PDB file of N, CA and C in Angstrom:
ATOM      1  N   GLY A   1      10.468   0.431   7.460  1.00  0.00           N
ATOM      2  CA  GLY A   1       9.658   1.544   7.044  1.00  0.00           C
ATOM      3  C   GLY A   1       8.901   1.221   5.767  1.00  0.00           C
ATOM      4  N   HIS A   2       8.158   2.204   5.332  1.00  0.00           N
ATOM      5  CA  HIS A   2       7.366   2.051   4.119  1.00  0.00           C
ATOM      6  C   HIS A   2       7.166   3.402   3.456  1.00  0.00           C
ATOM      7  N   CYS A   3       6.655   3.375   2.256  1.00  0.00           N
ATOM      8  CA  CYS A   3       6.400   4.597   1.485  1.00  0.00           C
ATOM      9  C   CYS A   3       4.914   4.807   1.255  1.00  0.00           C
ATOM     10  N   LEU A   4       4.086   4.214   2.087  1.00  0.00           N
ATOM     11  CA  LEU A   4       2.644   4.435   2.003  1.00  0.00           C
ATOM     12  C   LEU A   4       2.279   5.521   2.999  1.00  0.00           C
ATOM     13  N   VAL A   5       1.914   6.663   2.496  1.00  0.00           N
ATOM     14  CA  VAL A   5       1.614   7.803   3.354  1.00  0.00           C
ATOM     15  C   VAL A   5       0.109   8.010   3.377  1.00  0.00           C
ATOM     16  N   SER A   6      -0.461   8.058   4.572  1.00  0.00           N
ATOM     17  CA  SER A   6      -1.888   8.328   4.685  1.00  0.00           C
ATOM     18  C   SER A   6      -2.093   9.617   5.475  1.00  0.00           C
ATOM     19  N   ARG A   7      -3.214  10.237   5.249  1.00  0.00           N
ATOM     20  CA  ARG A   7      -3.534  11.472   5.975  1.00  0.00           C
ATOM     21  C   ARG A   7      -3.573  11.195   7.468  1.00  0.00           C
ATOM     22  N   GLY A   8      -3.055  12.130   8.244  1.00  0.00           N
ATOM     23  CA  GLY A   8      -3.124  12.026   9.691  1.00  0.00           C
ATOM     24  C   GLY A   8      -2.094  11.121  10.326  1.00  0.00           C
ATOM     25  N   GLU A   9      -1.234  10.491   9.523  1.00  0.00           N
ATOM     26  CA  GLU A   9      -0.225   9.594  10.076  1.00  0.00           C
ATOM     27  C   GLU A   9       0.861  10.363  10.818  1.00  0.00           C
ATOM     28  N   LEU A  10       1.186  11.548  10.313  1.00  0.00           N
ATOM     29  CA  LEU A  10       2.195  12.404  10.921  1.00  0.00           C
ATOM     30  C   LEU A  10       1.600  13.793  11.124  1.00  0.00           C
ATOM     31  N   ASP A  11       2.225  14.607  11.972  1.00  0.00           N
ATOM     32  CA  ASP A  11       1.721  15.954  12.212  1.00  0.00           C
ATOM     33  C   ASP A  11       1.668  16.777  10.930  1.00  0.00           C
ATOM     34  N   ASP A  12       2.712  16.685  10.126  1.00  0.00           N
ATOM     35  CA  ASP A  12       2.827  17.500   8.924  1.00  0.00           C
ATOM     36  C   ASP A  12       2.448  16.681   7.689  1.00  0.00           C
ATOM     37  N   ASN A  13       1.552  15.728   7.870  1.00  0.00           N
ATOM     38  CA  ASN A  13       1.306  14.719   6.861  1.00  0.00           C
ATOM     39  C   ASN A  13       0.511  15.180   5.654  1.00  0.00           C
ATOM     40  N   ASP A  14      -0.347  16.158   5.797  1.00  0.00           N
ATOM     41  CA  ASP A  14      -1.170  16.561   4.659  1.00  0.00           C
ATOM     42  C   ASP A  14      -0.314  17.001   3.476  1.00  0.00           C
ATOM     43  N   ARG A  15       0.757  17.749   3.750  1.00  0.00           N
ATOM     44  CA  ARG A  15       1.636  18.177   2.659  1.00  0.00           C
ATOM     45  C   ARG A  15       2.375  16.991   2.052  1.00  0.00           C
ATOM     46  N   LEU A  16       2.855  16.079   2.892  1.00  0.00           N
ATOM     47  CA  LEU A  16       3.547  14.891   2.381  1.00  0.00           C
ATOM     48  C   LEU A  16       2.585  14.020   1.587  1.00  0.00           C
ATOM     49  N   PHE A  17       1.383  13.839   2.104  1.00  0.00           N
ATOM     50  CA  PHE A  17       0.363  13.051   1.421  1.00  0.00           C
ATOM     51  C   PHE A  17       0.075  13.643   0.037  1.00  0.00           C
ATOM     52  N   SER A  18      -0.074  14.958  -0.029  1.00  0.00           N
ATOM     53  CA  SER A  18      -0.327  15.637  -1.307  1.00  0.00           C
ATOM     54  C   SER A  18       0.845  15.472  -2.259  1.00  0.00           C
ATOM     55  N   TRP A  19       2.057  15.593  -1.732  1.00  0.00           N
ATOM     56  CA  TRP A  19       3.254  15.460  -2.567  1.00  0.00           C
ATOM     57  C   TRP A  19       3.352  14.047  -3.159  1.00  0.00           C
ATOM     58  N   VAL A  20       3.114  13.047  -2.314  1.00  0.00           N
ATOM     59  CA  VAL A  20       3.169  11.651  -2.770  1.00  0.00           C
ATOM     60  C   VAL A  20       2.142  11.417  -3.875  1.00  0.00           C
ATOM     61  N   ASN A  21       0.939  11.900  -3.671  1.00  0.00           N
ATOM     62  CA  ASN A  21      -0.096  11.731  -4.696  1.00  0.00           C
ATOM     63  C   ASN A  21       0.252  12.478  -5.977  1.00  0.00           C
ATOM     64  N   ARG A  22       0.896  13.629  -5.846  1.00  0.00           N
ATOM     65  CA  ARG A  22       1.308  14.388  -7.026  1.00  0.00           C
ATOM     66  C   ARG A  22       2.347  13.610  -7.837  1.00  0.00           C
ATOM     67  N   GLN A  23       3.263  12.896  -7.142  1.00  0.00           N
ATOM     68  CA  GLN A  23       4.258  12.085  -7.856  1.00  0.00           C
ATOM     69  C   GLN A  23       3.565  10.994  -8.650  1.00  0.00           C
ATOM     70  N   ARG A  24       2.567  10.354  -8.038  1.00  0.00           N
ATOM     71  CA  ARG A  24       1.816   9.302  -8.736  1.00  0.00           C
ATOM     72  C   ARG A  24       1.075   9.876  -9.950  1.00  0.00           C
ATOM     73  N   ASP A  25       0.434  11.014  -9.747  1.00  0.00           N
ATOM     74  CA  ASP A  25      -0.284  11.652 -10.857  1.00  0.00           C
ATOM     75  C   ASP A  25       0.667  12.061 -11.978  1.00  0.00           C
ATOM     76  N   ASP A  26       1.818  12.624 -11.595  1.00  0.00           N
ATOM     77  CA  ASP A  26       2.790  13.039 -12.604  1.00  0.00           C
ATOM     78  C   ASP A  26       3.286  11.857 -13.418  1.00  0.00           C
ATOM     79  N   LEU A  27       3.476  10.706 -12.776  1.00  0.00           N
ATOM     80  CA  LEU A  27       3.899   9.512 -13.507  1.00  0.00           C
ATOM     81  C   LEU A  27       2.824   9.104 -14.516  1.00  0.00           C
ATOM     82  N   LYS A  28       1.565   9.079 -14.064  1.00  0.00           N
ATOM     83  CA  LYS A  28       0.460   8.698 -14.951  1.00  0.00           C
ATOM     84  C   LYS A  28       0.346   9.640 -16.147  1.00  0.00           C
ATOM     85  N   LYS A  29       0.630  10.919 -15.924  1.00  0.00           N
ATOM     86  CA  LYS A  29       0.499  11.923 -16.981  1.00  0.00           C
ATOM     87  C   LYS A  29       1.767  12.060 -17.825  1.00  0.00           C
ATOM     88  N   GLY A  30       2.815  11.286 -17.473  1.00  0.00           N
ATOM     89  CA  GLY A  30       4.066  11.364 -18.221  1.00  0.00           C
ATOM     90  C   GLY A  30       4.896  12.593 -17.899  1.00  0.00           C
ATOM     91  N   LYS A  31       4.628  13.222 -16.758  1.00  0.00           N
ATOM     92  CA  LYS A  31       5.334  14.449 -16.369  1.00  0.00           C
ATOM     93  C   LYS A  31       6.502  14.195 -15.411  1.00  0.00           C
ATOM     94  N   LEU A  32       6.614  12.991 -14.881  1.00  0.00           N
ATOM     95  CA  LEU A  32       7.666  12.690 -13.909  1.00  0.00           C
ATOM     96  C   LEU A  32       8.962  12.374 -14.645  1.00  0.00           C
ATOM     97  N   THR A  33      10.036  13.020 -14.236  1.00  0.00           N
ATOM     98  CA  THR A  33      11.315  12.763 -14.900  1.00  0.00           C
ATOM     99  C   THR A  33      11.808  11.356 -14.570  1.00  0.00           C
ATOM    100  N   ALA A  34      12.593  10.807 -15.468  1.00  0.00           N
ATOM    101  CA  ALA A  34      13.166   9.473 -15.258  1.00  0.00           C
ATOM    102  C   ALA A  34      14.046   9.466 -14.018  1.00  0.00           C
ATOM    103  N   GLU A  35      14.761  10.559 -13.789  1.00  0.00           N
ATOM    104  CA  GLU A  35      15.648  10.648 -12.622  1.00  0.00           C
ATOM    105  C   GLU A  35      14.859  10.590 -11.320  1.00  0.00           C
ATOM    106  N   ARG A  36      13.745  11.333 -11.282  1.00  0.00           N
ATOM    107  CA  ARG A  36      12.932  11.330 -10.066  1.00  0.00           C
ATOM    108  C   ARG A  36      12.303   9.966  -9.850  1.00  0.00           C
ATOM    109  N   LYS A  37      11.805   9.352 -10.916  1.00  0.00           N
ATOM    110  CA  LYS A  37      11.211   8.014 -10.777  1.00  0.00           C
ATOM    111  C   LYS A  37      12.243   7.023 -10.262  1.00  0.00           C
ATOM    112  N   GLU A  38      13.443   7.092 -10.796  1.00  0.00           N
ATOM    113  CA  GLU A  38      14.511   6.190 -10.356  1.00  0.00           C
ATOM    114  C   GLU A  38      14.817   6.393  -8.867  1.00  0.00           C
ATOM    115  N   LEU A  39      14.903   7.636  -8.436  1.00  0.00           N
ATOM    116  CA  LEU A  39      15.160   7.916  -7.016  1.00  0.00           C
ATOM    117  C   LEU A  39      14.046   7.354  -6.134  1.00  0.00           C
ATOM    118  N   LEU A  40      12.809   7.553  -6.557  1.00  0.00           N
ATOM    119  CA  LEU A  40      11.684   7.049  -5.771  1.00  0.00           C
ATOM    120  C   LEU A  40      11.630   5.523  -5.800  1.00  0.00           C
ATOM    121  N   ASP A  41      11.939   4.925  -6.944  1.00  0.00           N
ATOM    122  CA  ASP A  41      11.994   3.460  -7.027  1.00  0.00           C
ATOM    123  C   ASP A  41      13.038   2.888  -6.072  1.00  0.00           C
ATOM    124  N   GLU A  42      14.160   3.567  -5.954  1.00  0.00           N
ATOM    125  CA  GLU A  42      15.253   3.083  -5.094  1.00  0.00           C
ATOM    126  C   GLU A  42      14.845   2.987  -3.629  1.00  0.00           C
ATOM    127  N   ILE A  43      13.894   3.813  -3.194  1.00  0.00           N
ATOM    128  CA  ILE A  43      13.464   3.753  -1.789  1.00  0.00           C
ATOM    129  C   ILE A  43      12.179   2.939  -1.617  1.00  0.00           C
ATOM    130  N   GLY A  44      11.748   2.281  -2.701  1.00  0.00           N
ATOM    131  CA  GLY A  44      10.567   1.427  -2.607  1.00  0.00           C
ATOM    132  C   GLY A  44       9.248   2.176  -2.658  1.00  0.00           C
ATOM    133  N   PHE A  45       9.223   3.292  -3.379  1.00  0.00           N
ATOM    134  CA  PHE A  45       8.008   4.089  -3.510  1.00  0.00           C
ATOM    135  C   PHE A  45       6.879   3.227  -4.070  1.00  0.00           C
ATOM    136  N   CYS A  46       5.698   3.363  -3.501  1.00  0.00           N
ATOM    137  CA  CYS A  46       4.532   2.595  -3.933  1.00  0.00           C
ATOM    138  C   CYS A  46       3.770   3.409  -4.973  1.00  0.00           C
ATOM    139  N   TRP A  47       3.806   2.957  -6.224  1.00  0.00           N
ATOM    140  CA  TRP A  47       3.160   3.678  -7.308  1.00  0.00           C
ATOM    141  C   TRP A  47       1.674   3.405  -7.396  1.00  0.00           C
ATOM    142  N   ASP A  48       1.244   2.226  -6.994  1.00  0.00           N
ATOM    143  CA  ASP A  48      -0.176   1.863  -7.082  1.00  0.00           C
ATOM    144  C   ASP A  48      -0.615   1.256  -5.750  1.00  0.00           C
ATOM    145  N   VAL A  49      -1.320   2.036  -4.961  1.00  0.00           N
ATOM    146  CA  VAL A  49      -1.724   1.618  -3.625  1.00  0.00           C
ATOM    147  C   VAL A  49      -2.683   0.434  -3.694  1.00  0.00           C
ATOM    148  N   GLN A  50      -3.597   0.437  -4.664  1.00  0.00           N
ATOM    149  CA  GLN A  50      -4.547  -0.677  -4.778  1.00  0.00           C
ATOM    150  C   GLN A  50      -3.836  -1.991  -5.071  1.00  0.00           C
ATOM    151  N   ASP A  51      -2.857  -1.965  -5.972  1.00  0.00           N
ATOM    152  CA  ASP A  51      -2.089  -3.186  -6.254  1.00  0.00           C
ATOM    153  C   ASP A  51      -1.317  -3.640  -5.021  1.00  0.00           C
ATOM    154  N   TYR A  52      -0.722  -2.678  -4.305  1.00  0.00           N
ATOM    155  CA  TYR A  52       0.029  -3.003  -3.099  1.00  0.00           C
ATOM    156  C   TYR A  52      -0.881  -3.681  -2.068  1.00  0.00           C
ATOM    157  N   GLU A  53      -2.051  -3.087  -1.840  1.00  0.00           N
ATOM    158  CA  GLU A  53      -2.977  -3.647  -0.846  1.00  0.00           C
ATOM    159  C   GLU A  53      -3.495  -5.009  -1.274  1.00  0.00           C
ATOM    160  N   LEU A  54      -3.749  -5.198  -2.573  1.00  0.00           N
ATOM    161  CA  LEU A  54      -4.187  -6.498  -3.072  1.00  0.00           C
ATOM    162  C   LEU A  54      -3.124  -7.560  -2.812  1.00  0.00           C
ATOM    163  N   GLU A  55      -1.876  -7.256  -3.138  1.00  0.00           N
ATOM    164  CA  GLU A  55      -0.785  -8.215  -2.910  1.00  0.00           C
ATOM    165  C   GLU A  55      -0.609  -8.521  -1.430  1.00  0.00           C
ATOM    166  N   ARG A  56      -0.637  -7.474  -0.595  1.00  0.00           N
ATOM    167  CA  ARG A  56      -0.466  -7.668   0.850  1.00  0.00           C
ATOM    168  C   ARG A  56      -1.588  -8.527   1.417  1.00  0.00           C
ATOM    169  N   ASN A  57      -2.831  -8.201   1.091  1.00  0.00           N
ATOM    170  CA  ASN A  57      -3.960  -8.939   1.645  1.00  0.00           C
ATOM    171  C   ASN A  57      -4.034 -10.360   1.086  1.00  0.00           C
ATOM    172  N   PHE A  58      -3.629 -10.536  -0.159  1.00  0.00           N
ATOM    173  CA  PHE A  58      -3.604 -11.893  -0.724  1.00  0.00           C
ATOM    174  C   PHE A  58      -2.602 -12.757   0.028  1.00  0.00           C
ATOM    175  N   LYS A  59      -1.443 -12.201   0.342  1.00  0.00           N
ATOM    176  CA  LYS A  59      -0.438 -12.955   1.114  1.00  0.00           C
ATOM    177  C   LYS A  59      -0.985 -13.313   2.494  1.00  0.00           C
ATOM    178  N   LEU A  60      -1.708 -12.389   3.111  1.00  0.00           N
ATOM    179  CA  LEU A  60      -2.313 -12.675   4.413  1.00  0.00           C
ATOM    180  C   LEU A  60      -3.372 -13.766   4.300  1.00  0.00           C
ATOM    181  N   LEU A  61      -4.135 -13.733   3.219  1.00  0.00           N
ATOM    182  CA  LEU A  61      -5.142 -14.776   2.997  1.00  0.00           C
ATOM    183  C   LEU A  61      -4.474 -16.133   2.785  1.00  0.00           C
ATOM    184  N   GLU A  62      -3.360 -16.133   2.068  1.00  0.00           N
ATOM    185  CA  GLU A  62      -2.607 -17.385   1.892  1.00  0.00           C
ATOM    186  C   GLU A  62      -2.142 -17.933   3.237  1.00  0.00           C
ATOM    187  N   GLN A  63      -1.641 -17.051   4.101  1.00  0.00           N
ATOM    188  CA  GLN A  63      -1.201 -17.482   5.437  1.00  0.00           C
ATOM    189  C   GLN A  63      -2.364 -18.104   6.210  1.00  0.00           C
ATOM    190  N   HIS A  64      -3.494 -17.421   6.164  1.00  0.00           N
ATOM    191  CA  HIS A  64      -4.684 -17.906   6.864  1.00  0.00           C
ATOM    192  C   HIS A  64      -5.101 -19.276   6.320  1.00  0.00           C
ATOM    193  N   ALA A  65      -5.150 -19.396   4.998  1.00  0.00           N
ATOM    194  CA  ALA A  65      -5.579 -20.653   4.376  1.00  0.00           C
ATOM    195  C   ALA A  65      -4.620 -21.798   4.702  1.00  0.00           C
ATOM    196  N   LYS A  66      -3.341 -21.490   4.710  1.00  0.00           N
ATOM    197  CA  LYS A  66      -2.341 -22.521   5.028  1.00  0.00           C
ATOM    198  C   LYS A  66      -2.511 -23.012   6.465  1.00  0.00           C
ATOM    199  N   ARG A  67      -2.761 -22.074   7.370  1.00  0.00           N
ATOM    200  CA  ARG A  67      -2.909 -22.413   8.789  1.00  0.00           C
ATOM    201  C   ARG A  67      -4.253 -23.079   9.086  1.00  0.00           C
ATOM    202  N   GLU A  68      -5.350 -22.542   8.497  1.00  0.00           N
ATOM    203  CA  GLU A  68      -6.702 -22.995   8.834  1.00  0.00           C
ATOM    204  C   GLU A  68      -7.265 -24.036   7.869  1.00  0.00           C
ATOM    205  N   GLY A  69      -6.654 -24.131   6.677  1.00  0.00           N
ATOM    206  CA  GLY A  69      -7.126 -25.100   5.699  1.00  0.00           C
ATOM    207  C   GLY A  69      -8.283 -24.609   4.844  1.00  0.00           C
ATOM    208  N   HIS A  70      -8.601 -23.318   4.919  1.00  0.00           N
ATOM    209  CA  HIS A  70      -9.696 -22.755   4.117  1.00  0.00           C
ATOM    210  C   HIS A  70      -9.532 -21.241   4.006  1.00  0.00           C
ATOM    211  N   CYS A  71     -10.336 -20.647   3.127  1.00  0.00           N
ATOM    212  CA  CYS A  71     -10.307 -19.192   2.919  1.00  0.00           C
ATOM    213  C   CYS A  71     -11.578 -18.514   3.425  1.00  0.00           C
ATOM    214  N   ASP A  72     -12.353 -19.236   4.221  1.00  0.00           N
ATOM    215  CA  ASP A  72     -13.582 -18.675   4.771  1.00  0.00           C
ATOM    216  C   ASP A  72     -13.232 -17.864   6.023  1.00  0.00           C
ATOM    217  N   VAL A  73     -12.876 -16.610   5.813  1.00  0.00           N
ATOM    218  CA  VAL A  73     -12.377 -15.761   6.889  1.00  0.00           C
ATOM    219  C   VAL A  73     -13.547 -15.088   7.605  1.00  0.00           C
ATOM    220  N   PRO A  74     -13.625 -15.218   8.932  1.00  0.00           N
ATOM    221  CA  PRO A  74     -14.679 -14.513   9.667  1.00  0.00           C
ATOM    222  C   PRO A  74     -14.577 -13.000   9.444  1.00  0.00           C
ATOM    223  N   GLN A  75     -15.707 -12.332   9.415  1.00  0.00           N
ATOM    224  CA  GLN A  75     -15.756 -10.916   9.064  1.00  0.00           C
ATOM    225  C   GLN A  75     -14.864 -10.030   9.930  1.00  0.00           C
ATOM    226  N   LYS A  76     -14.718 -10.346  11.185  1.00  0.00           N
ATOM    227  CA  LYS A  76     -13.918  -9.500  12.080  1.00  0.00           C
ATOM    228  C   LYS A  76     -12.516 -10.043  12.331  1.00  0.00           C
ATOM    229  N   HIS A  77     -12.085 -10.994  11.538  1.00  0.00           N
ATOM    230  CA  HIS A  77     -10.779 -11.621  11.738  1.00  0.00           C
ATOM    231  C   HIS A  77      -9.643 -10.662  11.343  1.00  0.00           C
ATOM    232  N   VAL A  78      -8.659 -10.558  12.232  1.00  0.00           N
ATOM    233  CA  VAL A  78      -7.478  -9.735  11.969  1.00  0.00           C
ATOM    234  C   VAL A  78      -6.291 -10.664  11.748  1.00  0.00           C
ATOM    235  N   GLU A  79      -5.590 -10.427  10.659  1.00  0.00           N
ATOM    236  CA  GLU A  79      -4.416 -11.236  10.299  1.00  0.00           C
ATOM    237  C   GLU A  79      -3.287 -10.272   9.965  1.00  0.00           C
ATOM    238  N   GLY A  80      -2.171 -10.403  10.630  1.00  0.00           N
ATOM    239  CA  GLY A  80      -1.032  -9.531  10.343  1.00  0.00           C
ATOM    240  C   GLY A  80      -1.332  -8.057  10.558  1.00  0.00           C
ATOM    241  N   GLY A  81      -2.207  -7.759  11.498  1.00  0.00           N
ATOM    242  CA  GLY A  81      -2.558  -6.370  11.788  1.00  0.00           C
ATOM    243  C   GLY A  81      -3.599  -5.776  10.854  1.00  0.00           C
ATOM    244  N   GLU A  82      -4.092  -6.558   9.893  1.00  0.00           N
ATOM    245  CA  GLU A  82      -5.092  -6.083   8.931  1.00  0.00           C
ATOM    246  C   GLU A  82      -6.418  -6.799   9.172  1.00  0.00           C
ATOM    247  N   ASN A  83      -7.507  -6.080   8.971  1.00  0.00           N
ATOM    248  CA  ASN A  83      -8.824  -6.691   9.089  1.00  0.00           C
ATOM    249  C   ASN A  83      -9.102  -7.492   7.825  1.00  0.00           C
ATOM    250  N   LEU A  84      -8.570  -8.702   7.805  1.00  0.00           N
ATOM    251  CA  LEU A  84      -8.674  -9.560   6.628  1.00  0.00           C
ATOM    252  C   LEU A  84     -10.117  -9.947   6.340  1.00  0.00           C
ATOM    253  N   GLY A  85     -10.910 -10.120   7.386  1.00  0.00           N
ATOM    254  CA  GLY A  85     -12.308 -10.485   7.195  1.00  0.00           C
ATOM    255  C   GLY A  85     -13.104  -9.418   6.469  1.00  0.00           C
ATOM    256  N   LYS A  86     -12.770  -8.192   6.677  1.00  0.00           N
ATOM    257  CA  LYS A  86     -13.458  -7.089   5.997  1.00  0.00           C
ATOM    258  C   LYS A  86     -13.034  -7.010   4.523  1.00  0.00           C
ATOM    259  N   TRP A  87     -11.796  -7.361   4.255  1.00  0.00           N
ATOM    260  CA  TRP A  87     -11.294  -7.337   2.886  1.00  0.00           C
ATOM    261  C   TRP A  87     -11.993  -8.388   2.075  1.00  0.00           C
TER     262      TRP A  87
END
């Protein structure tokens, strides 16, 4: 599983999506309690989606480069279920 929640992923997802974003905002504003942060950290909560996506896509690019010998990814190339070429 994962802790990346996107709109439309689940039937009741809009409320979960809003709640997840509120936790991130509360952390940035210093409003999140240490106890809540610790609980969310324990389940692998993703605090920064952009950093997560950068790390994930970089690892996919490394895989591609290791296999193909270069980082010149075709625009429509999919690697690990992600459109790496678009990234």
